[in-house]
Amino acid sequence: MQLLSGWYALTFNRRHARFGHLVSSRYSSKIVETEEYAKEICRYIVLNPVKAGLCERPEQWRWSSYRATVGLVPAPEYLDTWWVRELFGDDPWGDASHFRRFVLAGLELDLELPGSDPGSEA
């Protein structure tokens, strides 16, 4: 991730005649140990653009796999959506209504990722 971020920052800065850091904190990762945590992470990621005010609903964010995962658009060949659907008890190749309802329920809540401290570096 460090190499990827470094190359991206270098390329972006050259293209836009800038210099310096592009992100404020370092990359980090956490182990996902339970299905409940995996579900919350799926919802958290999908709702990030909504919480940031970039769109009103998750299906409006074109750079997300959400539309393909819930069957609104065909999934590109490189995208496997089955594991998310299976995680929610949905048909891996058909209906994704449980995942969709779970995500949309998050629009009603002020969600933070479980186990995260909003004031700390992840």
PDB file of N, CA and C in Angstrom:
ATOM      1  N   MET A   1       0.823  -1.190   0.000  1.00  0.00           N
ATOM      2  CA  MET A   1       0.000   0.000   0.000  1.00  0.00           C
ATOM      3  C   MET A   1       0.872   1.262   0.000  1.00  0.00           C
ATOM      4  N   GLN A   2       1.992   1.206   0.691  1.00  0.00           N
ATOM      5  CA  GLN A   2       2.873   2.374   0.733  1.00  0.00           C
ATOM      6  C   GLN A   2       3.385   2.700  -0.668  1.00  0.00           C
ATOM      7  N   LEU A   3       3.790   1.677  -1.407  1.00  0.00           N
ATOM      8  CA  LEU A   3       4.284   1.882  -2.767  1.00  0.00           C
ATOM      9  C   LEU A   3       3.171   2.435  -3.664  1.00  0.00           C
ATOM     10  N   LEU A   4       1.993   1.854  -3.578  1.00  0.00           N
ATOM     11  CA  LEU A   4       0.857   2.322  -4.376  1.00  0.00           C
ATOM     12  C   LEU A   4       0.527   3.777  -4.050  1.00  0.00           C
ATOM     13  N   SER A   5       0.432   4.099  -2.774  1.00  0.00           N
ATOM     14  CA  SER A   5       0.132   5.482  -2.377  1.00  0.00           C
ATOM     15  C   SER A   5       1.217   6.449  -2.831  1.00  0.00           C
ATOM     16  N   GLY A   6       2.458   6.023  -2.705  1.00  0.00           N
ATOM     17  CA  GLY A   6       3.572   6.881  -3.118  1.00  0.00           C
ATOM     18  C   GLY A   6       3.552   7.181  -4.605  1.00  0.00           C
ATOM     19  N   TRP A   7       3.338   6.150  -5.407  1.00  0.00           N
ATOM     20  CA  TRP A   7       3.280   6.350  -6.859  1.00  0.00           C
ATOM     21  C   TRP A   7       2.077   7.198  -7.258  1.00  0.00           C
ATOM     22  N   TYR A   8       0.945   6.963  -6.602  1.00  0.00           N
ATOM     23  CA  TYR A   8      -0.246   7.749  -6.910  1.00  0.00           C
ATOM     24  C   TYR A   8      -0.005   9.221  -6.575  1.00  0.00           C
ATOM     25  N   ALA A   9       0.553   9.492  -5.404  1.00  0.00           N
ATOM     26  CA  ALA A   9       0.820  10.882  -5.003  1.00  0.00           C
ATOM     27  C   ALA A   9       1.788  11.545  -5.968  1.00  0.00           C
ATOM     28  N   LEU A  10       2.828  10.830  -6.360  1.00  0.00           N
ATOM     29  CA  LEU A  10       3.814  11.376  -7.295  1.00  0.00           C
ATOM     30  C   LEU A  10       3.158  11.723  -8.637  1.00  0.00           C
ATOM     31  N   THR A  11       2.369  10.792  -9.165  1.00  0.00           N
ATOM     32  CA  THR A  11       1.690  11.011 -10.443  1.00  0.00           C
ATOM     33  C   THR A  11       0.685  12.158 -10.351  1.00  0.00           C
ATOM     34  N   PHE A  12      -0.114  12.167  -9.295  1.00  0.00           N
ATOM     35  CA  PHE A  12      -1.111  13.224  -9.105  1.00  0.00           C
ATOM     36  C   PHE A  12      -0.423  14.584  -8.994  1.00  0.00           C
ATOM     37  N   ASN A  13       0.617  14.664  -8.191  1.00  0.00           N
ATOM     38  CA  ASN A  13       1.320  15.936  -7.997  1.00  0.00           C
ATOM     39  C   ASN A  13       1.951  16.439  -9.293  1.00  0.00           C
ATOM     40  N   ARG A  14       2.523  15.553 -10.068  1.00  0.00           N
ATOM     41  CA  ARG A  14       3.101  15.977 -11.355  1.00  0.00           C
ATOM     42  C   ARG A  14       2.019  16.484 -12.305  1.00  0.00           C
ATOM     43  N   ARG A  15       0.919  15.773 -12.367  1.00  0.00           N
ATOM     44  CA  ARG A  15      -0.169  16.144 -13.264  1.00  0.00           C
ATOM     45  C   ARG A  15      -0.776  17.496 -12.891  1.00  0.00           C
ATOM     46  N   HIS A  16      -0.851  17.787 -11.608  1.00  0.00           N
ATOM     47  CA  HIS A  16      -1.518  19.005 -11.143  1.00  0.00           C
ATOM     48  C   HIS A  16      -0.554  20.066 -10.613  1.00  0.00           C
ATOM     49  N   ALA A  17       0.741  19.907 -10.941  1.00  0.00           N
ATOM     50  CA  ALA A  17       1.774  20.865 -10.532  1.00  0.00           C
ATOM     51  C   ALA A  17       1.719  21.146  -9.033  1.00  0.00           C
ATOM     52  N   ARG A  18       1.639  20.069  -8.259  1.00  0.00           N
ATOM     53  CA  ARG A  18       1.596  20.167  -6.805  1.00  0.00           C
ATOM     54  C   ARG A  18       2.775  19.424  -6.210  1.00  0.00           C
ATOM     55  N   PHE A  19       2.926  19.542  -4.912  1.00  0.00           N
ATOM     56  CA  PHE A  19       3.922  18.753  -4.206  1.00  0.00           C
ATOM     57  C   PHE A  19       3.420  18.486  -2.792  1.00  0.00           C
ATOM     58  N   GLY A  20       3.995  17.509  -2.148  1.00  0.00           N
ATOM     59  CA  GLY A  20       3.626  17.195  -0.770  1.00  0.00           C
ATOM     60  C   GLY A  20       2.665  16.027  -0.663  1.00  0.00           C
ATOM     61  N   HIS A  21       2.153  15.847   0.543  1.00  0.00           N
ATOM     62  CA  HIS A  21       1.264  14.728   0.856  1.00  0.00           C
ATOM     63  C   HIS A  21      -0.125  14.927   0.271  1.00  0.00           C
ATOM     64  N   LEU A  22      -0.758  13.826  -0.099  1.00  0.00           N
ATOM     65  CA  LEU A  22      -2.144  13.875  -0.570  1.00  0.00           C
ATOM     66  C   LEU A  22      -3.122  13.398   0.494  1.00  0.00           C
ATOM     67  N   VAL A  23      -2.659  12.547   1.381  1.00  0.00           N
ATOM     68  CA  VAL A  23      -3.519  12.021   2.442  1.00  0.00           C
ATOM     69  C   VAL A  23      -2.936  12.419   3.788  1.00  0.00           C
ATOM     70  N   SER A  24      -3.806  12.512   4.785  1.00  0.00           N
ATOM     71  CA  SER A  24      -3.355  13.007   6.073  1.00  0.00           C
ATOM     72  C   SER A  24      -2.850  11.923   7.017  1.00  0.00           C
ATOM     73  N   SER A  25      -3.214  10.686   6.763  1.00  0.00           N
ATOM     74  CA  SER A  25      -2.755   9.633   7.664  1.00  0.00           C
ATOM     75  C   SER A  25      -2.272   8.429   6.872  1.00  0.00           C
ATOM     76  N   ARG A  26      -1.552   7.574   7.542  1.00  0.00           N
ATOM     77  CA  ARG A  26      -0.992   6.394   6.909  1.00  0.00           C
ATOM     78  C   ARG A  26      -2.054   5.317   6.734  1.00  0.00           C
ATOM     79  N   TYR A  27      -1.781   4.417   5.807  1.00  0.00           N
ATOM     80  CA  TYR A  27      -2.653   3.269   5.584  1.00  0.00           C
ATOM     81  C   TYR A  27      -2.566   2.347   6.796  1.00  0.00           C
ATOM     82  N   SER A  28      -3.691   1.775   7.178  1.00  0.00           N
ATOM     83  CA  SER A  28      -3.704   0.785   8.242  1.00  0.00           C
ATOM     84  C   SER A  28      -4.737  -0.273   7.893  1.00  0.00           C
ATOM     85  N   SER A  29      -4.682  -1.368   8.580  1.00  0.00           N
ATOM     86  CA  SER A  29      -5.649  -2.438   8.341  1.00  0.00           C
ATOM     87  C   SER A  29      -6.037  -3.076   9.666  1.00  0.00           C
ATOM     88  N   LYS A  30      -7.202  -3.691   9.677  1.00  0.00           N
ATOM     89  CA  LYS A  30      -7.690  -4.409  10.848  1.00  0.00           C
ATOM     90  C   LYS A  30      -8.186  -5.767  10.385  1.00  0.00           C
ATOM     91  N   ILE A  31      -8.050  -6.743  11.221  1.00  0.00           N
ATOM     92  CA  ILE A  31      -8.528  -8.083  10.913  1.00  0.00           C
ATOM     93  C   ILE A  31     -10.028  -8.147  11.172  1.00  0.00           C
ATOM     94  N   VAL A  32     -10.754  -8.684  10.212  1.00  0.00           N
ATOM     95  CA  VAL A  32     -12.195  -8.869  10.353  1.00  0.00           C
ATOM     96  C   VAL A  32     -12.400 -10.277  10.880  1.00  0.00           C
ATOM     97  N   GLU A  33     -12.844 -10.360  12.131  1.00  0.00           N
ATOM     98  CA  GLU A  33     -12.926 -11.663  12.789  1.00  0.00           C
ATOM     99  C   GLU A  33     -14.329 -12.247  12.865  1.00  0.00           C
ATOM    100  N   THR A  34     -15.354 -11.431  12.705  1.00  0.00           N
ATOM    101  CA  THR A  34     -16.725 -11.943  12.816  1.00  0.00           C
ATOM    102  C   THR A  34     -17.549 -11.532  11.601  1.00  0.00           C
ATOM    103  N   GLU A  35     -18.603 -12.291  11.356  1.00  0.00           N
ATOM    104  CA  GLU A  35     -19.508 -11.958  10.259  1.00  0.00           C
ATOM    105  C   GLU A  35     -20.225 -10.637  10.522  1.00  0.00           C
ATOM    106  N   GLU A  36     -20.566 -10.382  11.770  1.00  0.00           N
ATOM    107  CA  GLU A  36     -21.257  -9.131  12.111  1.00  0.00           C
ATOM    108  C   GLU A  36     -20.387  -7.927  11.762  1.00  0.00           C
ATOM    109  N   TYR A  37     -19.098  -8.012  12.079  1.00  0.00           N
ATOM    110  CA  TYR A  37     -18.175  -6.918  11.767  1.00  0.00           C
ATOM    111  C   TYR A  37     -18.028  -6.757  10.253  1.00  0.00           C
ATOM    112  N   ALA A  38     -17.959  -7.882   9.530  1.00  0.00           N
ATOM    113  CA  ALA A  38     -17.863  -7.837   8.061  1.00  0.00           C
ATOM    114  C   ALA A  38     -19.094  -7.154   7.470  1.00  0.00           C
ATOM    115  N   LYS A  39     -20.268  -7.457   8.008  1.00  0.00           N
ATOM    116  CA  LYS A  39     -21.499  -6.819   7.522  1.00  0.00           C
ATOM    117  C   LYS A  39     -21.454  -5.309   7.749  1.00  0.00           C
ATOM    118  N   GLU A  40     -21.045  -4.913   8.951  1.00  0.00           N
ATOM    119  CA  GLU A  40     -20.975  -3.484   9.262  1.00  0.00           C
ATOM    120  C   GLU A  40     -19.959  -2.772   8.368  1.00  0.00           C
ATOM    121  N   ILE A  41     -18.859  -3.429   8.071  1.00  0.00           N
ATOM    122  CA  ILE A  41     -17.850  -2.833   7.182  1.00  0.00           C
ATOM    123  C   ILE A  41     -18.429  -2.647   5.781  1.00  0.00           C
ATOM    124  N   CYS A  42     -19.166  -3.653   5.293  1.00  0.00           N
ATOM    125  CA  CYS A  42     -19.797  -3.535   3.972  1.00  0.00           C
ATOM    126  C   CYS A  42     -20.724  -2.333   3.927  1.00  0.00           C
ATOM    127  N   ARG A  43     -21.529  -2.168   4.955  1.00  0.00           N
ATOM    128  CA  ARG A  43     -22.463  -1.038   4.993  1.00  0.00           C
ATOM    129  C   ARG A  43     -21.712   0.282   5.142  1.00  0.00           C
ATOM    130  N   TYR A  44     -20.723   0.315   6.009  1.00  0.00           N
ATOM    131  CA  TYR A  44     -19.942   1.527   6.258  1.00  0.00           C
ATOM    132  C   TYR A  44     -19.290   2.040   4.969  1.00  0.00           C
ATOM    133  N   ILE A  45     -18.690   1.137   4.220  1.00  0.00           N
ATOM    134  CA  ILE A  45     -18.006   1.520   2.976  1.00  0.00           C
ATOM    135  C   ILE A  45     -19.006   2.064   1.959  1.00  0.00           C
ATOM    136  N   VAL A  46     -20.123   1.383   1.813  1.00  0.00           N
ATOM    137  CA  VAL A  46     -21.131   1.798   0.834  1.00  0.00           C
ATOM    138  C   VAL A  46     -21.725   3.162   1.193  1.00  0.00           C
ATOM    139  N   LEU A  47     -21.858   3.437   2.485  1.00  0.00           N
ATOM    140  CA  LEU A  47     -22.483   4.691   2.915  1.00  0.00           C
ATOM    141  C   LEU A  47     -21.499   5.849   3.063  1.00  0.00           C
ATOM    142  N   ASN A  48     -20.201   5.613   2.920  1.00  0.00           N
ATOM    143  CA  ASN A  48     -19.223   6.700   3.042  1.00  0.00           C
ATOM    144  C   ASN A  48     -19.509   7.884   2.116  1.00  0.00           C
ATOM    145  N   PRO A  49     -19.767   7.688   0.820  1.00  0.00           N
ATOM    146  CA  PRO A  49     -20.054   8.842  -0.045  1.00  0.00           C
ATOM    147  C   PRO A  49     -21.325   9.589   0.365  1.00  0.00           C
ATOM    148  N   VAL A  50     -22.296   8.861   0.903  1.00  0.00           N
ATOM    149  CA  VAL A  50     -23.532   9.496   1.360  1.00  0.00           C
ATOM    150  C   VAL A  50     -23.226  10.371   2.576  1.00  0.00           C
ATOM    151  N   LYS A  51     -22.486   9.813   3.541  1.00  0.00           N
ATOM    152  CA  LYS A  51     -22.148  10.566   4.750  1.00  0.00           C
ATOM    153  C   LYS A  51     -21.279  11.777   4.427  1.00  0.00           C
ATOM    154  N   ALA A  52     -20.485  11.687   3.372  1.00  0.00           N
ATOM    155  CA  ALA A  52     -19.619  12.806   2.973  1.00  0.00           C
ATOM    156  C   ALA A  52     -20.376  13.856   2.168  1.00  0.00           C
ATOM    157  N   GLY A  53     -21.646  13.588   1.855  1.00  0.00           N
ATOM    158  CA  GLY A  53     -22.450  14.542   1.103  1.00  0.00           C
ATOM    159  C   GLY A  53     -22.178  14.536  -0.392  1.00  0.00           C
ATOM    160  N   LEU A  54     -21.567  13.483  -0.896  1.00  0.00           N
ATOM    161  CA  LEU A  54     -21.251  13.387  -2.319  1.00  0.00           C
ATOM    162  C   LEU A  54     -22.423  12.850  -3.135  1.00  0.00           C
ATOM    163  N   CYS A  55     -23.359  12.203  -2.461  1.00  0.00           N
ATOM    164  CA  CYS A  55     -24.579  11.719  -3.095  1.00  0.00           C
ATOM    165  C   CYS A  55     -25.622  11.555  -1.989  1.00  0.00           C
ATOM    166  N   GLU A  56     -26.866  11.357  -2.393  1.00  0.00           N
ATOM    167  CA  GLU A  56     -27.929  11.205  -1.397  1.00  0.00           C
ATOM    168  C   GLU A  56     -28.217   9.751  -1.059  1.00  0.00           C
ATOM    169  N   ARG A  57     -27.956   8.863  -2.013  1.00  0.00           N
ATOM    170  CA  ARG A  57     -28.224   7.439  -1.818  1.00  0.00           C
ATOM    171  C   ARG A  57     -27.035   6.635  -2.347  1.00  0.00           C
ATOM    172  N   PRO A  58     -26.775   5.467  -1.771  1.00  0.00           N
ATOM    173  CA  PRO A  58     -25.590   4.705  -2.174  1.00  0.00           C
ATOM    174  C   PRO A  58     -25.578   4.296  -3.641  1.00  0.00           C
ATOM    175  N   GLU A  59     -26.741   4.057  -4.234  1.00  0.00           N
ATOM    176  CA  GLU A  59     -26.768   3.645  -5.644  1.00  0.00           C
ATOM    177  C   GLU A  59     -26.421   4.779  -6.602  1.00  0.00           C
ATOM    178  N   GLN A  60     -26.336   5.995  -6.112  1.00  0.00           N
ATOM    179  CA  GLN A  60     -25.955   7.130  -6.954  1.00  0.00           C
ATOM    180  C   GLN A  60     -24.440   7.266  -7.111  1.00  0.00           C
ATOM    181  N   TRP A  61     -23.669   6.614  -6.276  1.00  0.00           N
ATOM    182  CA  TRP A  61     -22.212   6.726  -6.327  1.00  0.00           C
ATOM    183  C   TRP A  61     -21.683   5.743  -7.363  1.00  0.00           C
ATOM    184  N   ARG A  62     -21.249   6.244  -8.497  1.00  0.00           N
ATOM    185  CA  ARG A  62     -20.891   5.380  -9.624  1.00  0.00           C
ATOM    186  C   ARG A  62     -19.579   4.627  -9.425  1.00  0.00           C
ATOM    187  N   TRP A  63     -18.751   5.016  -8.476  1.00  0.00           N
ATOM    188  CA  TRP A  63     -17.460   4.356  -8.272  1.00  0.00           C
ATOM    189  C   TRP A  63     -17.537   3.257  -7.229  1.00  0.00           C
ATOM    190  N   SER A  64     -18.726   2.861  -6.887  1.00  0.00           N
ATOM    191  CA  SER A  64     -18.934   1.810  -5.895  1.00  0.00           C
ATOM    192  C   SER A  64     -19.405   0.535  -6.591  1.00  0.00           C
ATOM    193  N   SER A  65     -19.174  -0.581  -5.948  1.00  0.00           N
ATOM    194  CA  SER A  65     -19.692  -1.849  -6.464  1.00  0.00           C
ATOM    195  C   SER A  65     -21.108  -2.119  -5.962  1.00  0.00           C
ATOM    196  N   TYR A  66     -21.660  -1.203  -5.198  1.00  0.00           N
ATOM    197  CA  TYR A  66     -22.985  -1.414  -4.598  1.00  0.00           C
ATOM    198  C   TYR A  66     -24.059  -1.703  -5.637  1.00  0.00           C
ATOM    199  N   ARG A  67     -24.110  -0.920  -6.701  1.00  0.00           N
ATOM    200  CA  ARG A  67     -25.161  -1.125  -7.721  1.00  0.00           C
ATOM    201  C   ARG A  67     -25.086  -2.522  -8.324  1.00  0.00           C
ATOM    202  N   ALA A  68     -23.886  -2.978  -8.578  1.00  0.00           N
ATOM    203  CA  ALA A  68     -23.732  -4.330  -9.130  1.00  0.00           C
ATOM    204  C   ALA A  68     -24.051  -5.387  -8.074  1.00  0.00           C
ATOM    205  N   THR A  69     -23.677  -5.142  -6.847  1.00  0.00           N
ATOM    206  CA  THR A  69     -23.914  -6.118  -5.781  1.00  0.00           C
ATOM    207  C   THR A  69     -25.396  -6.326  -5.530  1.00  0.00           C
ATOM    208  N   VAL A  70     -26.191  -5.269  -5.624  1.00  0.00           N
ATOM    209  CA  VAL A  70     -27.634  -5.421  -5.388  1.00  0.00           C
ATOM    210  C   VAL A  70     -28.409  -5.686  -6.675  1.00  0.00           C
ATOM    211  N   GLY A  71     -27.714  -5.790  -7.801  1.00  0.00           N
ATOM    212  CA  GLY A  71     -28.357  -6.183  -9.051  1.00  0.00           C
ATOM    213  C   GLY A  71     -28.967  -5.061  -9.859  1.00  0.00           C
ATOM    214  N   LEU A  72     -28.607  -3.815  -9.574  1.00  0.00           N
ATOM    215  CA  LEU A  72     -29.143  -2.698 -10.359  1.00  0.00           C
ATOM    216  C   LEU A  72     -28.460  -2.582 -11.717  1.00  0.00           C
ATOM    217  N   VAL A  73     -27.211  -3.025 -11.796  1.00  0.00           N
ATOM    218  CA  VAL A  73     -26.460  -3.067 -13.051  1.00  0.00           C
ATOM    219  C   VAL A  73     -25.719  -4.400 -13.098  1.00  0.00           C
ATOM    220  N   PRO A  74     -25.381  -4.868 -14.280  1.00  0.00           N
ATOM    221  CA  PRO A  74     -24.608  -6.111 -14.354  1.00  0.00           C
ATOM    222  C   PRO A  74     -23.215  -5.911 -13.742  1.00  0.00           C
ATOM    223  N   ALA A  75     -22.745  -6.918 -13.034  1.00  0.00           N
ATOM    224  CA  ALA A  75     -21.408  -6.846 -12.454  1.00  0.00           C
ATOM    225  C   ALA A  75     -20.364  -7.027 -13.546  1.00  0.00           C
ATOM    226  N   PRO A  76     -19.327  -6.203 -13.545  1.00  0.00           N
ATOM    227  CA  PRO A  76     -18.240  -6.411 -14.504  1.00  0.00           C
ATOM    228  C   PRO A  76     -17.605  -7.787 -14.280  1.00  0.00           C
ATOM    229  N   GLU A  77     -16.956  -8.280 -15.281  1.00  0.00           N
ATOM    230  CA  GLU A  77     -16.358  -9.618 -15.221  1.00  0.00           C
ATOM    231  C   GLU A  77     -15.390  -9.778 -14.049  1.00  0.00           C
ATOM    232  N   TYR A  78     -14.688  -8.727 -13.703  1.00  0.00           N
ATOM    233  CA  TYR A  78     -13.667  -8.803 -12.650  1.00  0.00           C
ATOM    234  C   TYR A  78     -14.244  -8.704 -11.234  1.00  0.00           C
ATOM    235  N   LEU A  79     -15.522  -8.413 -11.083  1.00  0.00           N
ATOM    236  CA  LEU A  79     -16.114  -8.177  -9.768  1.00  0.00           C
ATOM    237  C   LEU A  79     -16.891  -9.394  -9.296  1.00  0.00           C
ATOM    238  N   ASP A  80     -16.491  -9.954  -8.170  1.00  0.00           N
ATOM    239  CA  ASP A  80     -17.224 -11.048  -7.534  1.00  0.00           C
ATOM    240  C   ASP A  80     -18.080 -10.473  -6.413  1.00  0.00           C
ATOM    241  N   THR A  81     -19.385 -10.561  -6.562  1.00  0.00           N
ATOM    242  CA  THR A  81     -20.291 -10.035  -5.545  1.00  0.00           C
ATOM    243  C   THR A  81     -20.887 -11.142  -4.687  1.00  0.00           C
ATOM    244  N   TRP A  82     -20.606 -12.382  -5.018  1.00  0.00           N
ATOM    245  CA  TRP A  82     -21.252 -13.505  -4.349  1.00  0.00           C
ATOM    246  C   TRP A  82     -20.986 -13.544  -2.856  1.00  0.00           C
ATOM    247  N   TRP A  83     -19.771 -13.197  -2.416  1.00  0.00           N
ATOM    248  CA  TRP A  83     -19.452 -13.347  -0.991  1.00  0.00           C
ATOM    249  C   TRP A  83     -20.236 -12.357  -0.134  1.00  0.00           C
ATOM    250  N   VAL A  84     -20.508 -11.148  -0.662  1.00  0.00           N
ATOM    251  CA  VAL A  84     -21.310 -10.182   0.090  1.00  0.00           C
ATOM    252  C   VAL A  84     -22.749 -10.670   0.158  1.00  0.00           C
ATOM    253  N   ARG A  85     -23.278 -11.112  -0.969  1.00  0.00           N
ATOM    254  CA  ARG A  85     -24.648 -11.614  -1.000  1.00  0.00           C
ATOM    255  C   ARG A  85     -24.803 -12.817  -0.076  1.00  0.00           C
ATOM    256  N   GLU A  86     -23.841 -13.713  -0.124  1.00  0.00           N
ATOM    257  CA  GLU A  86     -23.887 -14.909   0.709  1.00  0.00           C
ATOM    258  C   GLU A  86     -23.799 -14.548   2.195  1.00  0.00           C
ATOM    259  N   LEU A  87     -23.001 -13.541   2.518  1.00  0.00           N
ATOM    260  CA  LEU A  87     -22.851 -13.073   3.892  1.00  0.00           C
ATOM    261  C   LEU A  87     -24.193 -12.631   4.473  1.00  0.00           C
ATOM    262  N   PHE A  88     -25.048 -12.076   3.632  1.00  0.00           N
ATOM    263  CA  PHE A  88     -26.350 -11.585   4.072  1.00  0.00           C
ATOM    264  C   PHE A  88     -27.474 -12.587   3.843  1.00  0.00           C
ATOM    265  N   GLY A  89     -27.147 -13.787   3.393  1.00  0.00           N
ATOM    266  CA  GLY A  89     -28.165 -14.800   3.162  1.00  0.00           C
ATOM    267  C   GLY A  89     -28.927 -14.607   1.877  1.00  0.00           C
ATOM    268  N   ASP A  90     -28.384 -13.781   0.987  1.00  0.00           N
ATOM    269  CA  ASP A  90     -29.021 -13.556  -0.300  1.00  0.00           C
ATOM    270  C   ASP A  90     -28.546 -14.608  -1.299  1.00  0.00           C
ATOM    271  N   ASP A  91     -29.286 -14.745  -2.370  1.00  0.00           N
ATOM    272  CA  ASP A  91     -28.887 -15.625  -3.458  1.00  0.00           C
ATOM    273  C   ASP A  91     -27.641 -15.032  -4.111  1.00  0.00           C
ATOM    274  N   PRO A  92     -26.512 -15.746  -4.088  1.00  0.00           N
ATOM    275  CA  PRO A  92     -25.283 -15.180  -4.643  1.00  0.00           C
ATOM    276  C   PRO A  92     -25.388 -14.762  -6.108  1.00  0.00           C
ATOM    277  N   TRP A  93     -26.314 -15.329  -6.847  1.00  0.00           N
ATOM    278  CA  TRP A  93     -26.420 -14.992  -8.275  1.00  0.00           C
ATOM    279  C   TRP A  93     -27.747 -14.338  -8.618  1.00  0.00           C
ATOM    280  N   GLY A  94     -28.540 -14.003  -7.620  1.00  0.00           N
ATOM    281  CA  GLY A  94     -29.856 -13.421  -7.886  1.00  0.00           C
ATOM    282  C   GLY A  94     -30.182 -12.274  -6.942  1.00  0.00           C
ATOM    283  N   ASP A  95     -31.213 -12.487  -6.155  1.00  0.00           N
ATOM    284  CA  ASP A  95     -31.751 -11.459  -5.269  1.00  0.00           C
ATOM    285  C   ASP A  95     -30.752 -11.045  -4.181  1.00  0.00           C
ATOM    286  N   ALA A  96     -30.631  -9.743  -3.966  1.00  0.00           N
ATOM    287  CA  ALA A  96     -29.754  -9.217  -2.916  1.00  0.00           C
ATOM    288  C   ALA A  96     -30.542  -8.299  -1.982  1.00  0.00           C
ATOM    289  N   SER A  97     -31.780  -8.652  -1.693  1.00  0.00           N
ATOM    290  CA  SER A  97     -32.657  -7.765  -0.931  1.00  0.00           C
ATOM    291  C   SER A  97     -32.233  -7.607   0.526  1.00  0.00           C
ATOM    292  N   HIS A  98     -31.661  -8.640   1.139  1.00  0.00           N
ATOM    293  CA  HIS A  98     -31.243  -8.513   2.537  1.00  0.00           C
ATOM    294  C   HIS A  98     -30.100  -7.500   2.674  1.00  0.00           C
ATOM    295  N   PHE A  99     -29.122  -7.591   1.802  1.00  0.00           N
ATOM    296  CA  PHE A  99     -28.011  -6.631   1.827  1.00  0.00           C
ATOM    297  C   PHE A  99     -28.530  -5.219   1.567  1.00  0.00           C
ATOM    298  N   ARG A 100     -29.390  -5.084   0.582  1.00  0.00           N
ATOM    299  CA  ARG A 100     -29.931  -3.767   0.238  1.00  0.00           C
ATOM    300  C   ARG A 100     -30.689  -3.164   1.421  1.00  0.00           C
ATOM    301  N   ARG A 101     -31.540  -3.960   2.080  1.00  0.00           N
ATOM    302  CA  ARG A 101     -32.288  -3.456   3.243  1.00  0.00           C
ATOM    303  C   ARG A 101     -31.346  -3.076   4.383  1.00  0.00           C
ATOM    304  N   PHE A 102     -30.302  -3.875   4.593  1.00  0.00           N
ATOM    305  CA  PHE A 102     -29.325  -3.601   5.659  1.00  0.00           C
ATOM    306  C   PHE A 102     -28.616  -2.270   5.396  1.00  0.00           C
ATOM    307  N   VAL A 103     -28.198  -2.041   4.156  1.00  0.00           N
ATOM    308  CA  VAL A 103     -27.524  -0.788   3.806  1.00  0.00           C
ATOM    309  C   VAL A 103     -28.480   0.393   3.954  1.00  0.00           C
ATOM    310  N   LEU A 104     -29.678   0.264   3.415  1.00  0.00           N
ATOM    311  CA  LEU A 104     -30.644   1.367   3.468  1.00  0.00           C
ATOM    312  C   LEU A 104     -31.076   1.683   4.899  1.00  0.00           C
ATOM    313  N   ALA A 105     -31.104   0.683   5.766  1.00  0.00           N
ATOM    314  CA  ALA A 105     -31.400   0.934   7.180  1.00  0.00           C
ATOM    315  C   ALA A 105     -30.326   1.828   7.793  1.00  0.00           C
ATOM    316  N   GLY A 106     -29.116   1.731   7.287  1.00  0.00           N
ATOM    317  CA  GLY A 106     -28.027   2.566   7.772  1.00  0.00           C
ATOM    318  C   GLY A 106     -28.193   4.028   7.432  1.00  0.00           C
ATOM    319  N   LEU A 107     -29.019   4.342   6.442  1.00  0.00           N
ATOM    320  CA  LEU A 107     -29.298   5.744   6.126  1.00  0.00           C
ATOM    321  C   LEU A 107     -30.065   6.413   7.261  1.00  0.00           C
ATOM    322  N   GLU A 108     -30.814   5.628   8.013  1.00  0.00           N
ATOM    323  CA  GLU A 108     -31.607   6.148   9.122  1.00  0.00           C
ATOM    324  C   GLU A 108     -30.774   6.329  10.381  1.00  0.00           C
ATOM    325  N   LEU A 109     -29.617   5.707  10.428  1.00  0.00           N
ATOM    326  CA  LEU A 109     -28.777   5.720  11.623  1.00  0.00           C
ATOM    327  C   LEU A 109     -27.566   6.610  11.411  1.00  0.00           C
ATOM    328  N   ASP A 110     -27.012   7.115  12.480  1.00  0.00           N
ATOM    329  CA  ASP A 110     -25.735   7.825  12.412  1.00  0.00           C
ATOM    330  C   ASP A 110     -24.672   6.793  12.749  1.00  0.00           C
ATOM    331  N   LEU A 111     -24.153   6.123  11.724  1.00  0.00           N
ATOM    332  CA  LEU A 111     -23.284   4.969  11.942  1.00  0.00           C
ATOM    333  C   LEU A 111     -21.816   5.338  12.050  1.00  0.00           C
ATOM    334  N   GLU A 112     -21.165   4.699  12.972  1.00  0.00           N
ATOM    335  CA  GLU A 112     -19.705   4.669  13.048  1.00  0.00           C
ATOM    336  C   GLU A 112     -19.332   3.209  12.970  1.00  0.00           C
ATOM    337  N   LEU A 113     -18.180   2.937  12.400  1.00  0.00           N
ATOM    338  CA  LEU A 113     -17.726   1.559  12.296  1.00  0.00           C
ATOM    339  C   LEU A 113     -17.473   1.003  13.695  1.00  0.00           C
ATOM    340  N   PRO A 114     -18.040  -0.153  14.030  1.00  0.00           N
ATOM    341  CA  PRO A 114     -17.838  -0.735  15.365  1.00  0.00           C
ATOM    342  C   PRO A 114     -16.338  -0.912  15.646  1.00  0.00           C
ATOM    343  N   GLY A 115     -15.954  -0.571  16.854  1.00  0.00           N
ATOM    344  CA  GLY A 115     -14.558  -0.725  17.242  1.00  0.00           C
ATOM    345  C   GLY A 115     -13.666   0.401  16.776  1.00  0.00           C
ATOM    346  N   SER A 116     -14.237   1.426  16.151  1.00  0.00           N
ATOM    347  CA  SER A 116     -13.416   2.551  15.689  1.00  0.00           C
ATOM    348  C   SER A 116     -13.617   3.727  16.623  1.00  0.00           C
ATOM    349  N   ASP A 117     -12.588   4.507  16.759  1.00  0.00           N
ATOM    350  CA  ASP A 117     -12.647   5.720  17.550  1.00  0.00           C
ATOM    351  C   ASP A 117     -12.513   6.868  16.580  1.00  0.00           C
ATOM    352  N   PRO A 118     -13.594   7.652  16.346  1.00  0.00           N
ATOM    353  CA  PRO A 118     -13.553   8.718  15.339  1.00  0.00           C
ATOM    354  C   PRO A 118     -12.415   9.707  15.527  1.00  0.00           C
ATOM    355  N   GLY A 119     -11.915   9.843  16.747  1.00  0.00           N
ATOM    356  CA  GLY A 119     -10.851  10.804  16.989  1.00  0.00           C
ATOM    357  C   GLY A 119      -9.456  10.241  16.843  1.00  0.00           C
ATOM    358  N   SER A 120      -9.343   8.948  16.561  1.00  0.00           N
ATOM    359  CA  SER A 120      -8.011   8.343  16.481  1.00  0.00           C
ATOM    360  C   SER A 120      -7.681   7.936  15.068  1.00  0.00           C
ATOM    361  N   GLU A 121      -6.399   7.722  14.824  1.00  0.00           N
ATOM    362  CA  GLU A 121      -5.939   7.247  13.513  1.00  0.00           C
ATOM    363  C   GLU A 121      -6.210   5.765  13.431  1.00  0.00           C
ATOM    364  N   ALA A 122      -6.853   5.314  12.351  1.00  0.00           N
ATOM    365  CA  ALA A 122      -7.202   3.895  12.195  1.00  0.00           C
ATOM    366  C   ALA A 122      -6.020   3.081  11.785  1.00  0.00           C
TER     367      ALA A 122
END
